C-alpha atoms as a PDB file:
ATOM      1  CA  GLN A   1      14.960  -2.258   0.860  1.00  0.00           C
ATOM      2  CA  VAL A   2      14.966  -0.472  -1.557  1.00  0.00           C
ATOM      3  CA  GLN A   3      16.100   2.963  -1.364  1.00  0.00           C
ATOM      4  CA  LEU A   4      15.448   6.499  -3.685  1.00  0.00           C
ATOM      5  CA  VAL A   5      18.175   8.936  -3.862  1.00  0.00           C
ATOM      6  CA  GLU A   6      16.962  12.428  -5.406  1.00  0.00           C
ATOM      7  CA  SER A   7      18.395  15.034  -6.886  1.00  0.00           C
ATOM      8  CA  GLY A   8      19.267  18.224  -9.834  1.00  0.00           C
ATOM      9  CA  GLY A   9      16.790  20.530  -8.324  1.00  0.00           C
ATOM     10  CA  GLY A  10      17.272  23.963  -8.119  1.00  0.00           C
ATOM     11  CA  SER A  11      15.927  27.220  -9.283  1.00  0.00           C
ATOM     12  CA  VAL A  12      15.646  28.315 -12.679  1.00  0.00           C
ATOM     13  CA  GLN A  13      13.644  30.983 -14.666  1.00  0.00           C
ATOM     14  CA  PRO A  14      10.668  30.599 -16.261  1.00  0.00           C
ATOM     15  CA  GLY A  15      11.635  29.063 -19.653  1.00  0.00           C
ATOM     16  CA  GLY A  16      14.310  26.756 -18.466  1.00  0.00           C
ATOM     17  CA  SER A  17      15.449  23.405 -18.259  1.00  0.00           C
ATOM     18  CA  LEU A  18      16.007  20.972 -15.611  1.00  0.00           C
ATOM     19  CA  ARG A  19      17.769  17.217 -14.649  1.00  0.00           C
ATOM     20  CA  LEU A  20      16.127  15.771 -11.983  1.00  0.00           C
ATOM     21  CA  SER A  21      18.192  12.195 -11.186  1.00  0.00           C
ATOM     22  CA  CYS A  22      16.477   9.460  -8.629  1.00  0.00           C
ATOM     23  CA  VAL A  23      19.175   7.013  -8.391  1.00  0.00           C
ATOM     24  CA  VAL A  24      17.911   3.316  -6.827  1.00  0.00           C
ATOM     25  CA  SER A  25      19.771   1.362  -4.438  1.00  0.00           C
ATOM     26  CA  ASN A  26      19.058  -2.363  -3.142  1.00  0.00           C
ATOM     27  CA  ALA A  27      17.477  -3.573  -6.594  1.00  0.00           C
ATOM     28  CA  ALA A  28      17.316  -3.453 -10.306  1.00  0.00           C
ATOM     29  CA  ILE A  29      15.392  -0.668 -11.648  1.00  0.00           C
ATOM     30  CA  GLY A  30      14.657  -2.602 -14.254  1.00  0.00           C
ATOM     31  CA  SER A  31      12.945  -4.813 -11.976  1.00  0.00           C
ATOM     32  CA  LEU A  32      10.366  -1.633 -10.641  1.00  0.00           C
ATOM     33  CA  ALA A  33       8.135  -0.388 -11.219  1.00  0.00           C
ATOM     34  CA  MET A  34       9.370   3.883 -11.821  1.00  0.00           C
ATOM     35  CA  ALA A  35       7.590   6.914 -11.419  1.00  0.00           C
ATOM     36  CA  TRP A  36       7.687  11.004 -10.427  1.00  0.00           C
ATOM     37  CA  PHE A  37       5.734  12.742  -8.494  1.00  0.00           C
ATOM     38  CA  ARG A  38       5.198  16.068  -7.369  1.00  0.00           C
ATOM     39  CA  GLN A  39       3.716  18.675  -4.444  1.00  0.00           C
ATOM     40  CA  ARG A  40       2.667  22.297  -5.048  1.00  0.00           C
ATOM     41  CA  PRO A  41       2.286  24.513  -1.961  1.00  0.00           C
ATOM     42  CA  GLY A  42      -0.798  23.659  -0.775  1.00  0.00           C
ATOM     43  CA  LEU A  43      -1.685  20.951  -3.001  1.00  0.00           C
ATOM     44  CA  GLU A  44      -1.681  17.655  -3.330  1.00  0.00           C
ATOM     45  CA  ARG A  45       1.086  15.645  -4.224  1.00  0.00           C
ATOM     46  CA  GLU A  46       0.410  14.658  -7.991  1.00  0.00           C
ATOM     47  CA  ALA A  47       1.672  12.481 -10.810  1.00  0.00           C
ATOM     48  CA  VAL A  48       3.971  13.797 -12.932  1.00  0.00           C
ATOM     49  CA  GLY A  49       4.483   9.994 -14.999  1.00  0.00           C
ATOM     50  CA  ASP A  50       5.575   6.447 -14.607  1.00  0.00           C
ATOM     51  CA  THR A  51       7.383   3.531 -16.522  1.00  0.00           C
ATOM     52  CA  ASP A  52       4.515   2.852 -18.077  1.00  0.00           C
ATOM     53  CA  THR A  53       4.950   2.667 -21.815  1.00  0.00           C
ATOM     54  CA  ASP A  54       1.947   3.385 -24.256  1.00  0.00           C
ATOM     55  CA  SER A  55       1.536   1.156 -27.749  1.00  0.00           C
ATOM     56  CA  GLU A  56       4.678   3.426 -28.726  1.00  0.00           C
ATOM     57  CA  GLY A  57       7.002   2.736 -25.868  1.00  0.00           C
ATOM     58  CA  ARG A  58       6.610   5.972 -24.418  1.00  0.00           C
ATOM     59  CA  MET A  59       6.187   6.384 -21.381  1.00  0.00           C
ATOM     60  CA  VAL A  60       2.762   7.388 -20.053  1.00  0.00           C
ATOM     61  CA  LEU A  61       2.931  11.730 -18.656  1.00  0.00           C
ATOM     62  CA  ALA A  62       0.821  13.907 -17.247  1.00  0.00           C
ATOM     63  CA  GLN A  63      -1.091  15.918 -19.694  1.00  0.00           C
ATOM     64  CA  TYR A  64       0.160  19.220 -17.842  1.00  0.00           C
ATOM     65  CA  ALA A  65       3.972  17.318 -18.909  1.00  0.00           C
ATOM     66  CA  GLN A  66       3.004  16.232 -22.101  1.00  0.00           C
ATOM     67  CA  GLY A  67       5.900  17.941 -24.627  1.00  0.00           C
ATOM     68  CA  ARG A  68       7.631  19.292 -21.583  1.00  0.00           C
ATOM     69  CA  PHE A  69       9.413  16.356 -19.382  1.00  0.00           C
ATOM     70  CA  THR A  70      10.414  13.481 -20.559  1.00  0.00           C
ATOM     71  CA  ILE A  71      10.745   9.954 -18.118  1.00  0.00           C
ATOM     72  CA  SER A  72      14.071   7.604 -18.816  1.00  0.00           C
ATOM     73  CA  GLN A  73      16.233   5.057 -16.673  1.00  0.00           C
ATOM     74  CA  ASP A  74      19.677   4.186 -17.331  1.00  0.00           C
ATOM     75  CA  VAL A  75      19.842   0.588 -16.506  1.00  0.00           C
ATOM     76  CA  ALA A  76      23.481   0.799 -16.194  1.00  0.00           C
ATOM     77  CA  LYS A  77      23.694   3.524 -13.810  1.00  0.00           C
ATOM     78  CA  ASN A  78      20.347   2.476 -11.791  1.00  0.00           C
ATOM     79  CA  THR A  79      18.970   5.809 -12.394  1.00  0.00           C
ATOM     80  CA  LEU A  80      15.869   7.533 -13.248  1.00  0.00           C
ATOM     81  CA  TYR A  81      15.750  10.717 -14.560  1.00  0.00           C
ATOM     82  CA  LEU A  82      13.231  13.364 -15.239  1.00  0.00           C
ATOM     83  CA  ASP A  83      13.550  16.135 -18.248  1.00  0.00           C
ATOM     84  CA  MET A  84      11.617  19.056 -18.136  1.00  0.00           C
ATOM     85  CA  THR A  85      12.156  22.268 -20.270  1.00  0.00           C
ATOM     86  CA  SER A  86       9.987  25.262 -20.651  1.00  0.00           C
ATOM     87  CA  LEU A  87       9.333  25.504 -17.235  1.00  0.00           C
ATOM     88  CA  ARG A  88       6.609  27.705 -15.708  1.00  0.00           C
ATOM     89  CA  PRO A  89       6.065  29.555 -12.434  1.00  0.00           C
ATOM     90  CA  ASP A  90       3.827  26.518 -11.545  1.00  0.00           C
ATOM     91  CA  ASP A  91       5.990  23.837 -12.111  1.00  0.00           C
ATOM     92  CA  SER A  92       7.166  24.950  -8.486  1.00  0.00           C
ATOM     93  CA  ALA A  93       7.336  22.184  -6.387  1.00  0.00           C
ATOM     94  CA  MET A  94       8.664  19.533  -4.306  1.00  0.00           C
ATOM     95  CA  TYR A  95       9.474  16.367  -7.263  1.00  0.00           C
ATOM     96  CA  TYR A  96      10.008  13.010  -5.562  1.00  0.00           C
ATOM     97  CA  CYS A  97      10.411   9.515  -7.245  1.00  0.00           C
ATOM     98  CA  ALA A  98       8.650   6.514  -6.020  1.00  0.00           C
ATOM     99  CA  ALA A  99       9.535   2.157  -6.399  1.00  0.00           C
ATOM    100  CA  ALA A 100       7.185  -0.382  -6.529  1.00  0.00           C
ATOM    101  CA  ASP A 101       7.018  -3.695  -7.533  1.00  0.00           C
ATOM    102  CA  GLN A 102       3.632  -2.628  -9.111  1.00  0.00           C
ATOM    103  CA  ARG A 103       2.396   0.291 -10.500  1.00  0.00           C
ATOM    104  CA  TRP A 104      -1.011   0.170  -9.028  1.00  0.00           C
ATOM    105  CA  LYS A 105       0.953   1.090  -6.265  1.00  0.00           C
ATOM    106  CA  PHE A 106       1.750   4.770  -6.740  1.00  0.00           C
ATOM    107  CA  TYR A 107      -1.938   5.378  -7.608  1.00  0.00           C
ATOM    108  CA  GLN A 108      -3.810   3.629  -4.183  1.00  0.00           C
ATOM    109  CA  TYR A 109      -3.690   3.454  -0.322  1.00  0.00           C
ATOM    110  CA  GLY A 110      -1.659   7.189  -0.871  1.00  0.00           C
ATOM    111  CA  GLY A 111       1.068   6.013  -2.911  1.00  0.00           C
ATOM    112  CA  ARG A 112       2.055   4.336   1.150  1.00  0.00           C
ATOM    113  CA  ARG A 113       2.647   0.706  -0.738  1.00  0.00           C
ATOM    114  CA  ALA A 114       5.537   1.799  -2.978  1.00  0.00           C
ATOM    115  CA  THR A 115       9.138   3.590  -2.126  1.00  0.00           C
ATOM    116  CA  TRP A 116       9.249   7.148  -2.004  1.00  0.00           C
ATOM    117  CA  GLY A 117      12.219   9.254  -2.016  1.00  0.00           C
ATOM    118  CA  GLN A 118      13.156  12.401   0.436  1.00  0.00           C
ATOM    119  CA  GLY A 119      12.031  14.819  -2.715  1.00  0.00           C
ATOM    120  CA  THR A 120      14.217  17.552  -4.159  1.00  0.00           C
ATOM    121  CA  GLN A 121      12.687  21.014  -4.670  1.00  0.00           C
ATOM    122  CA  VAL A 122      12.093  23.091  -7.617  1.00  0.00           C
ATOM    123  CA  THR A 123      11.532  26.626  -7.846  1.00  0.00           C
ATOM    124  CA  VAL A 124      10.529  28.571 -11.178  1.00  0.00           C
ATOM    125  CA  SER A 125      10.710  32.096 -10.774  1.00  0.00           C
ATOM    126  CA  ALA A 126      11.793  35.034 -12.689  1.00  0.00           C
END
């Protein structure tokens, strides 16, 4: 069974940067669809982006993340990354990575058919 372990969260000041990592075990990351989600206090979980790519080969990101966040993966390290820059207080959230054999499993049935990590907390405050 696929296992995911996130790391890299922490506290950062507004305008700062963080890199989150998600190590994948028991499967090759290249064979999976991967995604980052986040859940802010009191709100539902929302997508940050996933490894689906547009016509120019860029990974698709939520509008709030465009221009600030980047998703990448290292096949040799079997690791997914989320690089976040220009962080704002409203980016404070628990960030989760997810894996599935098909991308739709992140977005339907409440994501229950995907595999999720335990999450890593990001706090942005002065």
